[in-house]
């Protein structure tokens, strides 16, 4: 089994570029309707983040039941991602020293997507 994050957004066409700016990677457009992007993937370092526009996914608001856990390889990248996701978003839990010799934080980005950011020191 492979589990992939599936993120539903208003204006997928523009917002997937925001996430590409944060994480890097390559965008793969899977489905369009005219100029609108309905489904797209963002491929980053062997991982895939799946995106859908609200027109295609028709989400029901159920609250903050799912968060995306990211294990980030360097402290520099960790702090950059934290800052970019927090800009325009909400810091749920500030960066703190975790008991596993690393850093943790929780950020809800400008789209309301909750990210648990982790960095494990060697």
PDB file of N, CA and C in Angstrom:
ATOM      1  N   UNK A   1       0.834  -1.177   0.000  1.00  0.00           N
ATOM      2  CA  UNK A   1       0.000   0.000   0.000  1.00  0.00           C
ATOM      3  C   UNK A   1       0.882   1.246   0.000  1.00  0.00           C
ATOM      4  N   UNK A   2       0.449   2.238  -0.732  1.00  0.00           N
ATOM      5  CA  UNK A   2       1.122   3.528  -0.740  1.00  0.00           C
ATOM      6  C   UNK A   2       0.082   4.577  -0.356  1.00  0.00           C
ATOM      7  N   UNK A   3       0.385   5.396   0.631  1.00  0.00           N
ATOM      8  CA  UNK A   3      -0.502   6.483   1.042  1.00  0.00           C
ATOM      9  C   UNK A   3       0.088   7.806   0.565  1.00  0.00           C
ATOM     10  N   UNK A   4      -0.744   8.613  -0.072  1.00  0.00           N
ATOM     11  CA  UNK A   4      -0.296   9.904  -0.583  1.00  0.00           C
ATOM     12  C   UNK A   4      -1.211  11.003  -0.060  1.00  0.00           C
ATOM     13  N   UNK A   5      -0.663  12.146   0.326  1.00  0.00           N
ATOM     14  CA  UNK A   5      -1.514  13.268   0.728  1.00  0.00           C
ATOM     15  C   UNK A   5      -2.359  13.727  -0.451  1.00  0.00           C
ATOM     16  N   UNK A   6      -3.634  14.003  -0.212  1.00  0.00           N
ATOM     17  CA  UNK A   6      -4.566  14.475  -1.230  1.00  0.00           C
ATOM     18  C   UNK A   6      -5.120  15.795  -0.716  1.00  0.00           C
ATOM     19  N   UNK A   7      -4.741  16.898  -1.345  1.00  0.00           N
ATOM     20  CA  UNK A   7      -5.028  18.236  -0.856  1.00  0.00           C
ATOM     21  C   UNK A   7      -6.020  18.909  -1.799  1.00  0.00           C
ATOM     22  N   UNK A   8      -7.138  19.364  -1.237  1.00  0.00           N
ATOM     23  CA  UNK A   8      -8.181  20.012  -2.026  1.00  0.00           C
ATOM     24  C   UNK A   8      -8.089  21.519  -1.794  1.00  0.00           C
ATOM     25  N   UNK A   9      -8.084  22.275  -2.894  1.00  0.00           N
ATOM     26  CA  UNK A   9      -7.866  23.720  -2.841  1.00  0.00           C
ATOM     27  C   UNK A   9      -8.840  24.470  -3.731  1.00  0.00           C
ATOM     28  N   UNK A  10      -9.150  25.701  -3.337  1.00  0.00           N
ATOM     29  CA  UNK A  10      -9.756  26.637  -4.283  1.00  0.00           C
ATOM     30  C   UNK A  10      -8.622  27.097  -5.182  1.00  0.00           C
ATOM     31  N   UNK A  11      -8.855  27.151  -6.478  1.00  0.00           N
ATOM     32  CA  UNK A  11      -7.869  27.656  -7.439  1.00  0.00           C
ATOM     33  C   UNK A  11      -6.595  26.803  -7.462  1.00  0.00           C
ATOM     34  N   UNK A  12      -6.753  25.537  -7.742  1.00  0.00           N
ATOM     35  CA  UNK A  12      -5.627  24.598  -7.810  1.00  0.00           C
ATOM     36  C   UNK A  12      -4.548  25.095  -8.777  1.00  0.00           C
ATOM     37  N   UNK A  13      -4.962  25.703  -9.882  1.00  0.00           N
ATOM     38  CA  UNK A  13      -4.022  26.165 -10.911  1.00  0.00           C
ATOM     39  C   UNK A  13      -2.942  27.079 -10.327  1.00  0.00           C
ATOM     40  N   UNK A  14      -3.344  28.034  -9.486  1.00  0.00           N
ATOM     41  CA  UNK A  14      -2.376  28.961  -8.906  1.00  0.00           C
ATOM     42  C   UNK A  14      -1.741  28.414  -7.636  1.00  0.00           C
ATOM     43  N   UNK A  15      -2.517  27.737  -6.810  1.00  0.00           N
ATOM     44  CA  UNK A  15      -2.017  27.295  -5.512  1.00  0.00           C
ATOM     45  C   UNK A  15      -0.970  26.189  -5.623  1.00  0.00           C
ATOM     46  N   UNK A  16      -1.043  25.348  -6.637  1.00  0.00           N
ATOM     47  CA  UNK A  16      -0.009  24.310  -6.776  1.00  0.00           C
ATOM     48  C   UNK A  16       1.349  24.968  -7.054  1.00  0.00           C
ATOM     49  N   UNK A  17       1.338  26.114  -7.693  1.00  0.00           N
ATOM     50  CA  UNK A  17       2.588  26.851  -7.918  1.00  0.00           C
ATOM     51  C   UNK A  17       3.136  27.408  -6.603  1.00  0.00           C
ATOM     52  N   UNK A  18       2.247  27.800  -5.691  1.00  0.00           N
ATOM     53  CA  UNK A  18       2.674  28.219  -4.354  1.00  0.00           C
ATOM     54  C   UNK A  18       3.429  27.080  -3.674  1.00  0.00           C
ATOM     55  N   UNK A  19       2.863  25.868  -3.690  1.00  0.00           N
ATOM     56  CA  UNK A  19       3.510  24.726  -3.042  1.00  0.00           C
ATOM     57  C   UNK A  19       4.806  24.343  -3.750  1.00  0.00           C
ATOM     58  N   UNK A  20       4.858  24.494  -5.060  1.00  0.00           N
ATOM     59  CA  UNK A  20       6.104  24.250  -5.779  1.00  0.00           C
ATOM     60  C   UNK A  20       7.163  25.245  -5.321  1.00  0.00           C
ATOM     61  N   UNK A  21       6.766  26.490  -5.069  1.00  0.00           N
ATOM     62  CA  UNK A  21       7.703  27.481  -4.560  1.00  0.00           C
ATOM     63  C   UNK A  21       8.233  27.133  -3.177  1.00  0.00           C
ATOM     64  N   UNK A  22       7.398  26.496  -2.354  1.00  0.00           N
ATOM     65  CA  UNK A  22       7.804  26.091  -1.008  1.00  0.00           C
ATOM     66  C   UNK A  22       8.701  24.860  -1.051  1.00  0.00           C
ATOM     67  N   UNK A  23       8.257  23.828  -1.762  1.00  0.00           N
ATOM     68  CA  UNK A  23       8.927  22.522  -1.717  1.00  0.00           C
ATOM     69  C   UNK A  23       9.829  22.225  -2.905  1.00  0.00           C
ATOM     70  N   UNK A  24       9.681  22.975  -3.998  1.00  0.00           N
ATOM     71  CA  UNK A  24      10.412  22.630  -5.216  1.00  0.00           C
ATOM     72  C   UNK A  24       9.645  21.552  -5.958  1.00  0.00           C
ATOM     73  N   UNK A  25      10.321  20.827  -6.805  1.00  0.00           N
ATOM     74  CA  UNK A  25       9.702  19.712  -7.509  1.00  0.00           C
ATOM     75  C   UNK A  25       9.092  20.087  -8.842  1.00  0.00           C
ATOM     76  N   UNK A  26       8.447  19.100  -9.427  1.00  0.00           N
ATOM     77  CA  UNK A  26       7.848  19.242 -10.755  1.00  0.00           C
ATOM     78  C   UNK A  26       6.346  19.036 -10.680  1.00  0.00           C
ATOM     79  N   UNK A  27       5.611  19.919 -11.354  1.00  0.00           N
ATOM     80  CA  UNK A  27       4.152  19.824 -11.420  1.00  0.00           C
ATOM     81  C   UNK A  27       3.763  18.961 -12.604  1.00  0.00           C
ATOM     82  N   UNK A  28       2.826  18.052 -12.369  1.00  0.00           N
ATOM     83  CA  UNK A  28       2.236  17.246 -13.438  1.00  0.00           C
ATOM     84  C   UNK A  28       0.733  17.520 -13.439  1.00  0.00           C
ATOM     85  N   UNK A  29       0.245  18.165 -14.502  1.00  0.00           N
ATOM     86  CA  UNK A  29      -1.182  18.452 -14.621  1.00  0.00           C
ATOM     87  C   UNK A  29      -1.863  17.164 -15.092  1.00  0.00           C
ATOM     88  N   UNK A  30      -2.850  16.704 -14.342  1.00  0.00           N
ATOM     89  CA  UNK A  30      -3.526  15.455 -14.659  1.00  0.00           C
ATOM     90  C   UNK A  30      -4.853  15.670 -15.385  1.00  0.00           C
ATOM     91  N   UNK A  31      -5.550  16.763 -15.021  1.00  0.00           N
ATOM     92  CA  UNK A  31      -6.857  17.001 -15.636  1.00  0.00           C
ATOM     93  C   UNK A  31      -7.170  18.493 -15.635  1.00  0.00           C
ATOM     94  N   UNK A  32      -7.666  18.960 -16.789  1.00  0.00           N
ATOM     95  CA  UNK A  32      -8.065  20.356 -16.957  1.00  0.00           C
ATOM     96  C   UNK A  32      -9.523  20.420 -17.401  1.00  0.00           C
ATOM     97  N   UNK A  33     -10.112  21.580 -17.133  1.00  0.00           N
ATOM     98  CA  UNK A  33     -11.416  21.913 -17.699  1.00  0.00           C
ATOM     99  C   UNK A  33     -11.273  23.348 -18.193  1.00  0.00           C
ATOM    100  N   UNK A  34     -11.072  23.497 -19.495  1.00  0.00           N
ATOM    101  CA  UNK A  34     -10.747  24.816 -20.037  1.00  0.00           C
ATOM    102  C   UNK A  34      -9.414  25.265 -19.476  1.00  0.00           C
ATOM    103  N   UNK A  35      -9.382  26.456 -18.889  1.00  0.00           N
ATOM    104  CA  UNK A  35      -8.158  26.983 -18.286  1.00  0.00           C
ATOM    105  C   UNK A  35      -7.949  26.507 -16.852  1.00  0.00           C
ATOM    106  N   UNK A  36      -8.971  25.936 -16.243  1.00  0.00           N
ATOM    107  CA  UNK A  36      -8.888  25.493 -14.846  1.00  0.00           C
ATOM    108  C   UNK A  36      -8.135  24.170 -14.730  1.00  0.00           C
ATOM    109  N   UNK A  37      -7.322  24.053 -13.692  1.00  0.00           N
ATOM    110  CA  UNK A  37      -6.643  22.793 -13.383  1.00  0.00           C
ATOM    111  C   UNK A  37      -7.483  22.085 -12.316  1.00  0.00           C
ATOM    112  N   UNK A  38      -7.983  20.903 -12.628  1.00  0.00           N
ATOM    113  CA  UNK A  38      -8.827  20.164 -11.696  1.00  0.00           C
ATOM    114  C   UNK A  38      -8.028  19.189 -10.839  1.00  0.00           C
ATOM    115  N   UNK A  39      -7.005  18.565 -11.420  1.00  0.00           N
ATOM    116  CA  UNK A  39      -6.159  17.632 -10.677  1.00  0.00           C
ATOM    117  C   UNK A  39      -4.719  17.785 -11.135  1.00  0.00           C
ATOM    118  N   UNK A  40      -3.793  17.739 -10.153  1.00  0.00           N
ATOM    119  CA  UNK A  40      -2.372  17.851 -10.458  1.00  0.00           C
ATOM    120  C   UNK A  40      -1.568  17.172  -9.359  1.00  0.00           C
ATOM    121  N   UNK A  41      -0.393  16.731  -9.707  1.00  0.00           N
ATOM    122  CA  UNK A  41       0.545  16.155  -8.739  1.00  0.00           C
ATOM    123  C   UNK A  41       1.774  17.048  -8.670  1.00  0.00           C
ATOM    124  N   UNK A  42       2.378  17.086  -7.480  1.00  0.00           N
ATOM    125  CA  UNK A  42       3.660  17.750  -7.296  1.00  0.00           C
ATOM    126  C   UNK A  42       4.641  16.673  -6.859  1.00  0.00           C
ATOM    127  N   UNK A  43       5.640  16.421  -7.703  1.00  0.00           N
ATOM    128  CA  UNK A  43       6.648  15.392  -7.435  1.00  0.00           C
ATOM    129  C   UNK A  43       7.885  16.061  -6.844  1.00  0.00           C
ATOM    130  N   UNK A  44       8.223  15.682  -5.606  1.00  0.00           N
ATOM    131  CA  UNK A  44       9.339  16.302  -4.885  1.00  0.00           C
ATOM    132  C   UNK A  44      10.211  15.204  -4.275  1.00  0.00           C
ATOM    133  N   UNK A  45      11.443  15.085  -4.723  1.00  0.00           N
ATOM    134  CA  UNK A  45      12.411  14.153  -4.131  1.00  0.00           C
ATOM    135  C   UNK A  45      11.844  12.761  -3.874  1.00  0.00           C
ATOM    136  N   UNK A  46      11.165  12.194  -4.846  1.00  0.00           N
ATOM    137  CA  UNK A  46      10.636  10.840  -4.713  1.00  0.00           C
ATOM    138  C   UNK A  46       9.280  10.760  -4.035  1.00  0.00           C
ATOM    139  N   UNK A  47       8.758  11.866  -3.550  1.00  0.00           N
ATOM    140  CA  UNK A  47       7.432  11.898  -2.924  1.00  0.00           C
ATOM    141  C   UNK A  47       6.448  12.567  -3.883  1.00  0.00           C
ATOM    142  N   UNK A  48       5.176  12.269  -3.713  1.00  0.00           N
ATOM    143  CA  UNK A  48       4.134  12.884  -4.520  1.00  0.00           C
ATOM    144  C   UNK A  48       3.072  13.483  -3.614  1.00  0.00           C
ATOM    145  N   UNK A  49       2.778  14.755  -3.847  1.00  0.00           N
ATOM    146  CA  UNK A  49       1.639  15.414  -3.209  1.00  0.00           C
ATOM    147  C   UNK A  49       0.563  15.542  -4.276  1.00  0.00           C
ATOM    148  N   UNK A  50      -0.648  15.056  -3.989  1.00  0.00           N
ATOM    149  CA  UNK A  50      -1.744  15.104  -4.945  1.00  0.00           C
ATOM    150  C   UNK A  50      -2.642  16.292  -4.612  1.00  0.00           C
ATOM    151  N   UNK A  51      -3.088  17.016  -5.646  1.00  0.00           N
ATOM    152  CA  UNK A  51      -3.927  18.183  -5.469  1.00  0.00           C
ATOM    153  C   UNK A  51      -5.172  18.074  -6.337  1.00  0.00           C
ATOM    154  N   UNK A  52      -6.273  18.618  -5.825  1.00  0.00           N
ATOM    155  CA  UNK A  52      -7.511  18.699  -6.593  1.00  0.00           C
ATOM    156  C   UNK A  52      -8.164  20.039  -6.319  1.00  0.00           C
ATOM    157  N   UNK A  53      -8.812  20.573  -7.337  1.00  0.00           N
ATOM    158  CA  UNK A  53      -9.585  21.792  -7.165  1.00  0.00           C
ATOM    159  C   UNK A  53     -10.925  21.439  -6.524  1.00  0.00           C
ATOM    160  N   UNK A  54     -11.484  22.376  -5.756  1.00  0.00           N
ATOM    161  CA  UNK A  54     -12.772  22.117  -5.102  1.00  0.00           C
ATOM    162  C   UNK A  54     -13.858  21.794  -6.124  1.00  0.00           C
ATOM    163  N   UNK A  55     -13.741  22.302  -7.355  1.00  0.00           N
ATOM    164  CA  UNK A  55     -14.711  21.962  -8.404  1.00  0.00           C
ATOM    165  C   UNK A  55     -14.738  20.467  -8.673  1.00  0.00           C
ATOM    166  N   UNK A  56     -13.576  19.827  -8.577  1.00  0.00           N
ATOM    167  CA  UNK A  56     -13.469  18.400  -8.878  1.00  0.00           C
ATOM    168  C   UNK A  56     -13.729  17.531  -7.652  1.00  0.00           C
ATOM    169  N   UNK A  57     -13.226  17.944  -6.495  1.00  0.00           N
ATOM    170  CA  UNK A  57     -13.273  17.082  -5.306  1.00  0.00           C
ATOM    171  C   UNK A  57     -14.517  17.293  -4.451  1.00  0.00           C
ATOM    172  N   UNK A  58     -15.125  18.467  -4.525  1.00  0.00           N
ATOM    173  CA  UNK A  58     -16.332  18.778  -3.766  1.00  0.00           C
ATOM    174  C   UNK A  58     -16.230  18.358  -2.299  1.00  0.00           C
ATOM    175  N   UNK A  59     -15.308  18.974  -1.553  1.00  0.00           N
ATOM    176  CA  UNK A  59     -15.073  18.550  -0.166  1.00  0.00           C
ATOM    177  C   UNK A  59     -16.207  18.941   0.784  1.00  0.00           C
ATOM    178  N   UNK A  60     -16.327  18.171   1.846  1.00  0.00           N
ATOM    179  CA  UNK A  60     -17.203  18.521   2.952  1.00  0.00           C
ATOM    180  C   UNK A  60     -16.315  19.025   4.078  1.00  0.00           C
ATOM    181  N   UNK A  61     -16.715  20.109   4.714  1.00  0.00           N
ATOM    182  CA  UNK A  61     -15.913  20.646   5.816  1.00  0.00           C
ATOM    183  C   UNK A  61     -16.139  19.790   7.059  1.00  0.00           C
ATOM    184  N   UNK A  62     -15.100  19.133   7.530  1.00  0.00           N
ATOM    185  CA  UNK A  62     -15.184  18.271   8.701  1.00  0.00           C
ATOM    186  C   UNK A  62     -14.212  18.697   9.788  1.00  0.00           C
ATOM    187  N   UNK A  63     -13.452  19.732   9.560  1.00  0.00           N
ATOM    188  CA  UNK A  63     -12.501  20.162  10.572  1.00  0.00           C
ATOM    189  C   UNK A  63     -11.097  19.663  10.297  1.00  0.00           C
ATOM    190  N   UNK A  64     -10.263  19.838  11.287  1.00  0.00           N
ATOM    191  CA  UNK A  64      -8.836  19.523  11.153  1.00  0.00           C
ATOM    192  C   UNK A  64      -8.564  18.083  11.569  1.00  0.00           C
ATOM    193  N   UNK A  65      -9.070  17.140  10.807  1.00  0.00           N
ATOM    194  CA  UNK A  65      -8.925  15.729  11.157  1.00  0.00           C
ATOM    195  C   UNK A  65      -7.679  15.082  10.592  1.00  0.00           C
ATOM    196  N   UNK A  66      -7.109  15.663   9.566  1.00  0.00           N
ATOM    197  CA  UNK A  66      -5.937  15.075   8.919  1.00  0.00           C
ATOM    198  C   UNK A  66      -4.864  16.143   8.798  1.00  0.00           C
ATOM    199  N   UNK A  67      -3.645  15.764   9.133  1.00  0.00           N
ATOM    200  CA  UNK A  67      -2.491  16.649   8.955  1.00  0.00           C
ATOM    201  C   UNK A  67      -1.454  15.915   8.124  1.00  0.00           C
ATOM    202  N   UNK A  68      -0.643  16.670   7.421  1.00  0.00           N
ATOM    203  CA  UNK A  68       0.411  16.068   6.605  1.00  0.00           C
ATOM    204  C   UNK A  68       1.718  16.183   7.376  1.00  0.00           C
ATOM    205  N   UNK A  69       2.356  15.048   7.614  1.00  0.00           N
ATOM    206  CA  UNK A  69       3.610  14.978   8.355  1.00  0.00           C
ATOM    207  C   UNK A  69       4.754  15.022   7.358  1.00  0.00           C
ATOM    208  N   UNK A  70       5.645  15.996   7.512  1.00  0.00           N
ATOM    209  CA  UNK A  70       6.814  16.110   6.636  1.00  0.00           C
ATOM    210  C   UNK A  70       8.083  15.932   7.443  1.00  0.00           C
ATOM    211  N   UNK A  71       8.913  15.016   7.026  1.00  0.00           N
ATOM    212  CA  UNK A  71      10.240  14.842   7.608  1.00  0.00           C
ATOM    213  C   UNK A  71      11.211  15.543   6.668  1.00  0.00           C
ATOM    214  N   UNK A  72      11.798  16.640   7.148  1.00  0.00           N
ATOM    215  CA  UNK A  72      12.644  17.490   6.318  1.00  0.00           C
ATOM    216  C   UNK A  72      14.103  17.199   6.662  1.00  0.00           C
ATOM    217  N   UNK A  73      14.942  17.105   5.648  1.00  0.00           N
ATOM    218  CA  UNK A  73      16.293  16.578   5.794  1.00  0.00           C
ATOM    219  C   UNK A  73      17.301  17.501   6.457  1.00  0.00           C
ATOM    220  N   UNK A  74      17.163  18.821   6.278  1.00  0.00           N
ATOM    221  CA  UNK A  74      18.148  19.734   6.885  1.00  0.00           C
ATOM    222  C   UNK A  74      17.424  20.794   7.718  1.00  0.00           C
ATOM    223  N   UNK A  75      18.125  21.326   8.710  1.00  0.00           N
ATOM    224  CA  UNK A  75      17.518  22.373   9.538  1.00  0.00           C
ATOM    225  C   UNK A  75      17.261  23.629   8.715  1.00  0.00           C
ATOM    226  N   UNK A  76      18.152  23.946   7.801  1.00  0.00           N
ATOM    227  CA  UNK A  76      17.962  25.120   6.941  1.00  0.00           C
ATOM    228  C   UNK A  76      16.675  24.979   6.123  1.00  0.00           C
ATOM    229  N   UNK A  77      16.479  23.830   5.487  1.00  0.00           N
ATOM    230  CA  UNK A  77      15.258  23.591   4.705  1.00  0.00           C
ATOM    231  C   UNK A  77      14.029  23.610   5.608  1.00  0.00           C
ATOM    232  N   UNK A  78      14.161  23.037   6.801  1.00  0.00           N
ATOM    233  CA  UNK A  78      13.066  23.016   7.774  1.00  0.00           C
ATOM    234  C   UNK A  78      12.607  24.445   8.091  1.00  0.00           C
ATOM    235  N   UNK A  79      13.534  25.312   8.410  1.00  0.00           N
ATOM    236  CA  UNK A  79      13.186  26.691   8.786  1.00  0.00           C
ATOM    237  C   UNK A  79      12.635  27.482   7.595  1.00  0.00           C
ATOM    238  N   UNK A  80      13.131  27.209   6.401  1.00  0.00           N
ATOM    239  CA  UNK A  80      12.619  27.877   5.198  1.00  0.00           C
ATOM    240  C   UNK A  80      11.174  27.460   4.936  1.00  0.00           C
ATOM    241  N   UNK A  81      10.898  26.149   4.963  1.00  0.00           N
ATOM    242  CA  UNK A  81       9.537  25.639   4.730  1.00  0.00           C
ATOM    243  C   UNK A  81       8.584  26.176   5.793  1.00  0.00           C
ATOM    244  N   UNK A  82       9.007  26.151   7.049  1.00  0.00           N
ATOM    245  CA  UNK A  82       8.195  26.685   8.147  1.00  0.00           C
ATOM    246  C   UNK A  82       7.808  28.140   7.865  1.00  0.00           C
ATOM    247  N   UNK A  83       8.781  28.953   7.509  1.00  0.00           N
ATOM    248  CA  UNK A  83       8.524  30.365   7.257  1.00  0.00           C
ATOM    249  C   UNK A  83       7.592  30.598   6.083  1.00  0.00           C
ATOM    250  N   UNK A  84       7.780  29.851   5.007  1.00  0.00           N
ATOM    251  CA  UNK A  84       6.954  30.040   3.821  1.00  0.00           C
ATOM    252  C   UNK A  84       5.525  29.575   4.049  1.00  0.00           C
ATOM    253  N   UNK A  85       5.339  28.459   4.766  1.00  0.00           N
ATOM    254  CA  UNK A  85       3.983  27.986   5.052  1.00  0.00           C
ATOM    255  C   UNK A  85       3.288  28.903   6.059  1.00  0.00           C
ATOM    256  N   UNK A  86       4.028  29.438   7.020  1.00  0.00           N
ATOM    257  CA  UNK A  86       3.443  30.309   8.045  1.00  0.00           C
ATOM    258  C   UNK A  86       3.043  31.671   7.476  1.00  0.00           C
ATOM    259  N   UNK A  87       3.735  32.131   6.431  1.00  0.00           N
ATOM    260  CA  UNK A  87       3.407  33.421   5.818  1.00  0.00           C
ATOM    261  C   UNK A  87       1.996  33.334   5.236  1.00  0.00           C
ATOM    262  N   UNK A  88       1.098  34.116   5.782  1.00  0.00           N
ATOM    263  CA  UNK A  88      -0.289  34.081   5.314  1.00  0.00           C
ATOM    264  C   UNK A  88      -1.101  32.971   5.941  1.00  0.00           C
ATOM    265  N   UNK A  89      -0.468  32.146   6.764  1.00  0.00           N
ATOM    266  CA  UNK A  89      -1.157  31.040   7.427  1.00  0.00           C
ATOM    267  C   UNK A  89      -1.245  31.270   8.926  1.00  0.00           C
ATOM    268  N   UNK A  90      -1.366  30.175   9.672  1.00  0.00           N
ATOM    269  CA  UNK A  90      -1.482  30.241  11.127  1.00  0.00           C
ATOM    270  C   UNK A  90      -0.503  29.265  11.755  1.00  0.00           C
ATOM    271  N   UNK A  91       0.276  29.751  12.704  1.00  0.00           N
ATOM    272  CA  UNK A  91       1.167  28.864  13.440  1.00  0.00           C
ATOM    273  C   UNK A  91       0.335  28.209  14.541  1.00  0.00           C
ATOM    274  N   UNK A  92       0.154  26.912  14.438  1.00  0.00           N
ATOM    275  CA  UNK A  92      -0.620  26.163  15.430  1.00  0.00           C
ATOM    276  C   UNK A  92       0.266  25.832  16.629  1.00  0.00           C
ATOM    277  N   UNK A  93       1.514  25.447  16.345  1.00  0.00           N
ATOM    278  CA  UNK A  93       2.500  25.135  17.388  1.00  0.00           C
ATOM    279  C   UNK A  93       3.840  25.642  16.906  1.00  0.00           C
ATOM    280  N   UNK A  94       4.405  26.594  17.632  1.00  0.00           N
ATOM    281  CA  UNK A  94       5.715  27.144  17.287  1.00  0.00           C
ATOM    282  C   UNK A  94       6.765  26.033  17.218  1.00  0.00           C
ATOM    283  N   UNK A  95       7.874  26.316  16.565  1.00  0.00           N
ATOM    284  CA  UNK A  95       8.998  25.370  16.539  1.00  0.00           C
ATOM    285  C   UNK A  95       9.433  25.086  17.968  1.00  0.00           C
ATOM    286  N   UNK A  96       9.609  23.809  18.289  1.00  0.00           N
ATOM    287  CA  UNK A  96      10.098  23.441  19.616  1.00  0.00           C
ATOM    288  C   UNK A  96      11.026  22.241  19.510  1.00  0.00           C
ATOM    289  N   UNK A  97      11.878  22.111  20.525  1.00  0.00           N
ATOM    290  CA  UNK A  97      12.796  20.978  20.602  1.00  0.00           C
ATOM    291  C   UNK A  97      11.989  19.735  20.975  1.00  0.00           C
ATOM    292  N   UNK A  98      12.054  18.746  20.142  1.00  0.00           N
ATOM    293  CA  UNK A  98      11.307  17.510  20.364  1.00  0.00           C
ATOM    294  C   UNK A  98      12.164  16.509  21.141  1.00  0.00           C
ATOM    295  N   UNK A  99      11.539  15.539  21.801  1.00  0.00           N
ATOM    296  CA  UNK A  99      12.293  14.578  22.608  1.00  0.00           C
ATOM    297  C   UNK A  99      13.185  13.638  21.794  1.00  0.00           C
ATOM    298  N   UNK A 100      13.052  13.630  20.467  1.00  0.00           N
ATOM    299  CA  UNK A 100      13.852  12.735  19.627  1.00  0.00           C
ATOM    300  C   UNK A 100      15.090  13.412  19.065  1.00  0.00           C
ATOM    301  N   UNK A 101      15.573  14.509  19.709  1.00  0.00           N
ATOM    302  CA  UNK A 101      16.724  15.263  19.239  1.00  0.00           C
ATOM    303  C   UNK A 101      16.441  15.880  17.874  1.00  0.00           C
ATOM    304  N   UNK A 102      15.407  16.674  17.836  1.00  0.00           N
ATOM    305  CA  UNK A 102      15.050  17.351  16.601  1.00  0.00           C
ATOM    306  C   UNK A 102      14.071  18.469  16.861  1.00  0.00           C
ATOM    307  N   UNK A 103      13.446  18.935  15.795  1.00  0.00           N
ATOM    308  CA  UNK A 103      12.499  20.033  15.875  1.00  0.00           C
ATOM    309  C   UNK A 103      11.143  19.600  15.359  1.00  0.00           C
ATOM    310  N   UNK A 104      10.092  20.148  15.965  1.00  0.00           N
ATOM    311  CA  UNK A 104       8.725  19.932  15.501  1.00  0.00           C
ATOM    312  C   UNK A 104       8.000  21.272  15.478  1.00  0.00           C
ATOM    313  N   UNK A 105       7.019  21.395  14.606  1.00  0.00           N
ATOM    314  CA  UNK A 105       6.125  22.548  14.559  1.00  0.00           C
ATOM    315  C   UNK A 105       4.880  22.127  13.783  1.00  0.00           C
ATOM    316  N   UNK A 106       3.789  22.837  14.011  1.00  0.00           N
ATOM    317  CA  UNK A 106       2.560  22.605  13.245  1.00  0.00           C
ATOM    318  C   UNK A 106       2.121  23.944  12.681  1.00  0.00           C
ATOM    319  N   UNK A 107       1.890  23.962  11.366  1.00  0.00           N
ATOM    320  CA  UNK A 107       1.483  25.180  10.678  1.00  0.00           C
ATOM    321  C   UNK A 107       0.290  24.864   9.784  1.00  0.00           C
ATOM    322  N   UNK A 108      -0.741  25.703   9.881  1.00  0.00           N
ATOM    323  CA  UNK A 108      -1.838  25.657   8.910  1.00  0.00           C
ATOM    324  C   UNK A 108      -1.530  26.739   7.881  1.00  0.00           C
ATOM    325  N   UNK A 109      -1.361  26.353   6.628  1.00  0.00           N
ATOM    326  CA  UNK A 109      -0.954  27.323   5.607  1.00  0.00           C
ATOM    327  C   UNK A 109      -2.125  28.197   5.159  1.00  0.00           C
ATOM    328  N   UNK A 110      -1.902  29.025   4.180  1.00  0.00           N
ATOM    329  CA  UNK A 110      -2.911  29.983   3.729  1.00  0.00           C
ATOM    330  C   UNK A 110      -4.156  29.323   3.158  1.00  0.00           C
ATOM    331  N   UNK A 111      -4.069  28.028   2.832  1.00  0.00           N
ATOM    332  CA  UNK A 111      -5.213  27.277   2.339  1.00  0.00           C
ATOM    333  C   UNK A 111      -5.887  26.454   3.429  1.00  0.00           C
ATOM    334  N   UNK A 112      -5.386  26.569   4.661  1.00  0.00           N
ATOM    335  CA  UNK A 112      -5.961  25.801   5.762  1.00  0.00           C
ATOM    336  C   UNK A 112      -5.426  24.385   5.862  1.00  0.00           C
ATOM    337  N   UNK A 113      -4.418  24.048   5.064  1.00  0.00           N
ATOM    338  CA  UNK A 113      -3.809  22.710   5.120  1.00  0.00           C
ATOM    339  C   UNK A 113      -2.864  22.677   6.313  1.00  0.00           C
ATOM    340  N   UNK A 114      -3.019  21.679   7.185  1.00  0.00           N
ATOM    341  CA  UNK A 114      -2.177  21.556   8.380  1.00  0.00           C
ATOM    342  C   UNK A 114      -0.981  20.665   8.105  1.00  0.00           C
ATOM    343  N   UNK A 115       0.197  21.183   8.413  1.00  0.00           N
ATOM    344  CA  UNK A 115       1.462  20.490   8.182  1.00  0.00           C
ATOM    345  C   UNK A 115       2.163  20.294   9.514  1.00  0.00           C
ATOM    346  N   UNK A 116       2.557  19.067   9.811  1.00  0.00           N
ATOM    347  CA  UNK A 116       3.418  18.772  10.959  1.00  0.00           C
ATOM    348  C   UNK A 116       4.822  18.682  10.389  1.00  0.00           C
ATOM    349  N   UNK A 117       5.656  19.632  10.752  1.00  0.00           N
ATOM    350  CA  UNK A 117       7.005  19.713  10.212  1.00  0.00           C
ATOM    351  C   UNK A 117       7.990  19.119  11.205  1.00  0.00           C
ATOM    352  N   UNK A 118       8.842  18.229  10.731  1.00  0.00           N
ATOM    353  CA  UNK A 118       9.814  17.593  11.615  1.00  0.00           C
ATOM    354  C   UNK A 118      11.202  17.637  10.989  1.00  0.00           C
ATOM    355  N   UNK A 119      12.182  17.782  11.869  1.00  0.00           N
ATOM    356  CA  UNK A 119      13.583  17.688  11.474  1.00  0.00           C
ATOM    357  C   UNK A 119      14.282  16.852  12.544  1.00  0.00           C
ATOM    358  N   UNK A 120      14.892  15.762  12.124  1.00  0.00           N
ATOM    359  CA  UNK A 120      15.609  14.861  13.034  1.00  0.00           C
ATOM    360  C   UNK A 120      17.099  15.106  12.891  1.00  0.00           C
ATOM    361  N   UNK A 121      17.742  15.485  13.980  1.00  0.00           N
ATOM    362  CA  UNK A 121      19.200  15.643  13.951  1.00  0.00           C
ATOM    363  C   UNK A 121      19.857  14.267  13.981  1.00  0.00           C
ATOM    364  N   UNK A 122      21.005  14.161  13.378  1.00  0.00           N
ATOM    365  CA  UNK A 122      21.734  12.876  13.378  1.00  0.00           C
ATOM    366  C   UNK A 122      22.436  12.636  14.680  1.00  0.00           C
TER     367      UNK A 122
END
